[in-house]
Amino acid sequence: MQASPPIEPSSAQENEPSLWKWVAKVASSVGLAGMLCCVAPAVLFMLGIMGGAYAISFANFFYEEDGSAGIGAWVLRGVAVIIGIGGFVLFKRKQNQCSIDPKRKRKNLILIFVMIAVFGVGIFLTLEKLSGWYFDKVIVPAKEAELNAQAPQ
């Protein structure tokens, strides 16, 4: 059995974090956290864990009577912003462990901020559109069928 070569001090440092992997993780977390009010009941309905009436009442908890975002929806959006900021700060800390050029660090921080914001909002809007479509096409008809089945004849 051969002994492994000794670790040199320069290679012992952590590698620079992957920009794309980091953005993918943080932006998807941001988008999902912001739309958790609609994505969670849609997924639970798809899995058969909750019915249409309960899925709609769960989602309605986060919205006002007129369909605009309520306090619950804004709280989730605030959590999404906090997740995005936290991801940015963690990337900055991890990057500062690496010995790279300060100009490159600054460029990476600008890139990561913009990419998290753009992809996070993009994922949020995509999930909003998809969950709205799914509610209209699948969950609302299921709710009406459930209510009609429960109505006395």
Protein backbone atom coordinates (compact mmCIF):
# COMPACT_ATOMS: atom_id res chain seq x y z
CA MET A 1 0.00 0.00 0.00
CA GLN A 2 1.37 3.38 -1.00
CA ALA A 3 1.30 6.31 1.36
CA SER A 4 -0.53 9.36 0.09
CA PRO A 5 1.62 12.40 -0.62
CA PRO A 6 1.65 15.10 2.05
CA ILE A 7 -0.84 17.91 1.62
CA GLU A 8 0.78 21.16 0.68
CA PRO A 9 -0.42 24.30 2.46
CA SER A 10 -1.66 25.92 -0.76
CA SER A 11 -3.81 22.91 -1.69
CA ALA A 12 -5.15 22.54 1.85
CA GLN A 13 -7.20 25.69 1.42
CA GLU A 14 -10.77 25.24 0.33
CA ASN A 15 -11.44 25.63 -3.37
CA GLU A 16 -13.30 28.64 -4.66
CA PRO A 17 -17.07 27.97 -4.48
CA SER A 18 -18.76 27.19 -7.80
CA LEU A 19 -20.73 30.26 -8.86
CA TRP A 20 -23.35 28.35 -10.90
CA LYS A 21 -23.99 25.66 -8.30
CA TRP A 22 -24.32 28.28 -5.59
CA VAL A 23 -26.74 30.39 -7.64
CA ALA A 24 -28.82 27.32 -8.53
CA LYS A 25 -29.16 26.30 -4.88
CA VAL A 26 -29.86 29.74 -3.47
CA ALA A 27 -32.11 30.99 -6.30
CA SER A 28 -34.26 27.86 -6.23
CA SER A 29 -34.56 28.21 -2.45
CA VAL A 30 -35.54 31.87 -2.86
CA GLY A 31 -38.16 31.12 -5.51
CA LEU A 32 -39.64 28.19 -3.62
CA ALA A 33 -39.76 30.05 -0.29
CA GLY A 34 -41.54 32.97 -1.91
CA MET A 35 -44.21 30.72 -3.48
CA LEU A 36 -44.53 28.13 -0.73
CA CYS A 37 -48.10 29.27 -0.11
CA CYS A 38 -49.21 27.92 -3.50
CA VAL A 39 -46.62 25.30 -4.36
CA ALA A 40 -47.04 23.32 -1.12
CA PRO A 41 -50.81 22.75 -1.46
CA ALA A 42 -50.43 21.96 -5.17
CA VAL A 43 -47.76 19.34 -4.47
CA LEU A 44 -49.74 17.88 -1.55
CA PHE A 45 -52.82 17.70 -3.78
CA MET A 46 -50.80 15.99 -6.54
CA LEU A 47 -49.61 13.40 -4.03
CA GLY A 48 -53.18 12.81 -2.82
CA ILE A 49 -52.39 13.98 0.70
CA MET A 50 -55.02 16.75 0.66
CA GLY A 51 -58.21 17.35 -1.25
CA GLY A 52 -59.08 20.28 -3.49
CA ALA A 53 -61.16 22.16 -0.92
CA TYR A 54 -58.41 22.03 1.68
CA ALA A 55 -55.71 22.97 -0.86
CA ILE A 56 -57.65 26.08 -1.84
CA SER A 57 -58.35 27.06 1.77
CA PHE A 58 -54.65 26.57 2.56
CA ALA A 59 -53.63 28.86 -0.31
CA ASN A 60 -56.38 31.39 0.48
CA PHE A 61 -54.93 31.83 3.96
CA PHE A 62 -52.08 33.79 2.36
CA TYR A 63 -54.23 36.05 0.15
CA GLU A 64 -56.86 38.76 0.60
CA GLU A 65 -60.50 38.41 -0.53
CA ASP A 66 -59.75 40.28 -3.77
CA GLY A 67 -56.89 37.88 -4.63
CA SER A 68 -54.06 40.26 -3.80
CA ALA A 69 -51.19 39.15 -1.60
CA GLY A 70 -51.99 39.15 2.10
CA ILE A 71 -49.75 39.34 5.15
CA GLY A 72 -48.86 35.65 4.92
CA ALA A 73 -47.70 35.97 1.30
CA TRP A 74 -45.59 39.01 2.15
CA VAL A 75 -44.03 37.18 5.09
CA LEU A 76 -43.02 34.34 2.75
CA ARG A 77 -41.58 36.85 0.29
CA GLY A 78 -39.64 38.44 3.12
CA VAL A 79 -38.27 35.02 4.07
CA ALA A 80 -37.25 34.55 0.43
CA VAL A 81 -35.32 37.84 0.50
CA ILE A 82 -33.62 36.80 3.75
CA ILE A 83 -32.63 33.47 2.16
CA GLY A 84 -31.18 35.34 -0.83
CA ILE A 85 -29.20 37.70 1.40
CA GLY A 86 -28.02 34.78 3.52
CA GLY A 87 -26.84 32.92 0.43
CA PHE A 88 -24.96 36.01 -0.73
CA VAL A 89 -23.28 36.47 2.68
CA LEU A 90 -22.31 32.79 2.89
CA PHE A 91 -20.83 32.93 -0.62
CA LYS A 92 -18.83 36.02 0.36
CA ARG A 93 -17.46 34.27 3.47
CA LYS A 94 -16.61 31.13 1.56
CA GLN A 95 -14.95 33.15 -1.21
CA ASN A 96 -12.89 35.09 1.34
CA GLN A 97 -11.30 31.81 2.45
CA CYS A 98 -9.75 31.50 -1.00
CA SER A 99 -6.74 33.45 -2.11
CA ILE A 100 -8.00 35.06 -5.29
CA ASP A 101 -7.57 38.50 -6.76
CA PRO A 102 -9.63 41.20 -4.97
CA LYS A 103 -10.96 42.51 -8.30
CA ARG A 104 -12.15 39.02 -9.16
CA LYS A 105 -13.77 38.69 -5.71
CA ARG A 106 -15.65 41.96 -6.27
CA LYS A 107 -16.75 40.86 -9.75
CA ASN A 108 -17.92 37.50 -8.35
CA LEU A 109 -19.93 39.22 -5.61
CA ILE A 110 -21.65 41.50 -8.11
CA LEU A 111 -22.37 38.53 -10.37
CA ILE A 112 -23.73 36.37 -7.56
CA PHE A 113 -25.97 39.17 -6.28
CA VAL A 114 -27.44 39.87 -9.72
CA MET A 115 -27.80 36.19 -10.59
CA ILE A 116 -29.51 35.28 -7.30
CA ALA A 117 -31.89 38.21 -7.74
CA VAL A 118 -32.70 37.49 -11.39
CA PHE A 119 -32.96 33.70 -11.12
CA GLY A 120 -34.74 33.86 -7.75
CA VAL A 121 -37.39 36.24 -9.10
CA GLY A 122 -37.60 34.19 -12.31
CA ILE A 123 -38.20 30.96 -10.39
CA PHE A 124 -40.73 32.76 -8.16
CA LEU A 125 -42.67 34.08 -11.16
CA THR A 126 -42.52 30.73 -12.95
CA LEU A 127 -43.83 28.89 -9.89
CA GLU A 128 -46.52 31.55 -9.46
CA LYS A 129 -47.71 31.10 -13.04
CA LEU A 130 -47.56 27.29 -12.93
CA SER A 131 -49.30 26.99 -9.57
CA GLY A 132 -52.01 29.44 -10.70
CA TRP A 133 -52.57 27.38 -13.84
CA TYR A 134 -52.63 24.14 -11.85
CA PHE A 135 -55.11 25.56 -9.35
CA ASP A 136 -57.42 26.78 -12.15
CA LYS A 137 -57.23 23.62 -14.29
CA VAL A 138 -57.05 20.86 -11.67
CA ILE A 139 -57.64 21.87 -8.06
CA VAL A 140 -60.68 24.16 -8.49
CA PRO A 141 -62.61 21.52 -10.50
CA ALA A 142 -61.65 18.91 -7.88
CA LYS A 143 -62.92 21.21 -5.12
CA GLU A 144 -66.22 21.72 -6.96
CA ALA A 145 -66.57 17.96 -7.41
CA GLU A 146 -65.88 17.41 -3.70
CA LEU A 147 -68.46 20.01 -2.68
CA ASN A 148 -71.06 18.62 -5.10
CA ALA A 149 -70.49 15.10 -3.73
CA GLN A 150 -71.01 16.34 -0.17
CA ALA A 151 -74.12 18.39 -0.94
CA PRO A 152 -77.39 16.74 0.15
CA GLN A 153 -79.60 15.78 -2.76
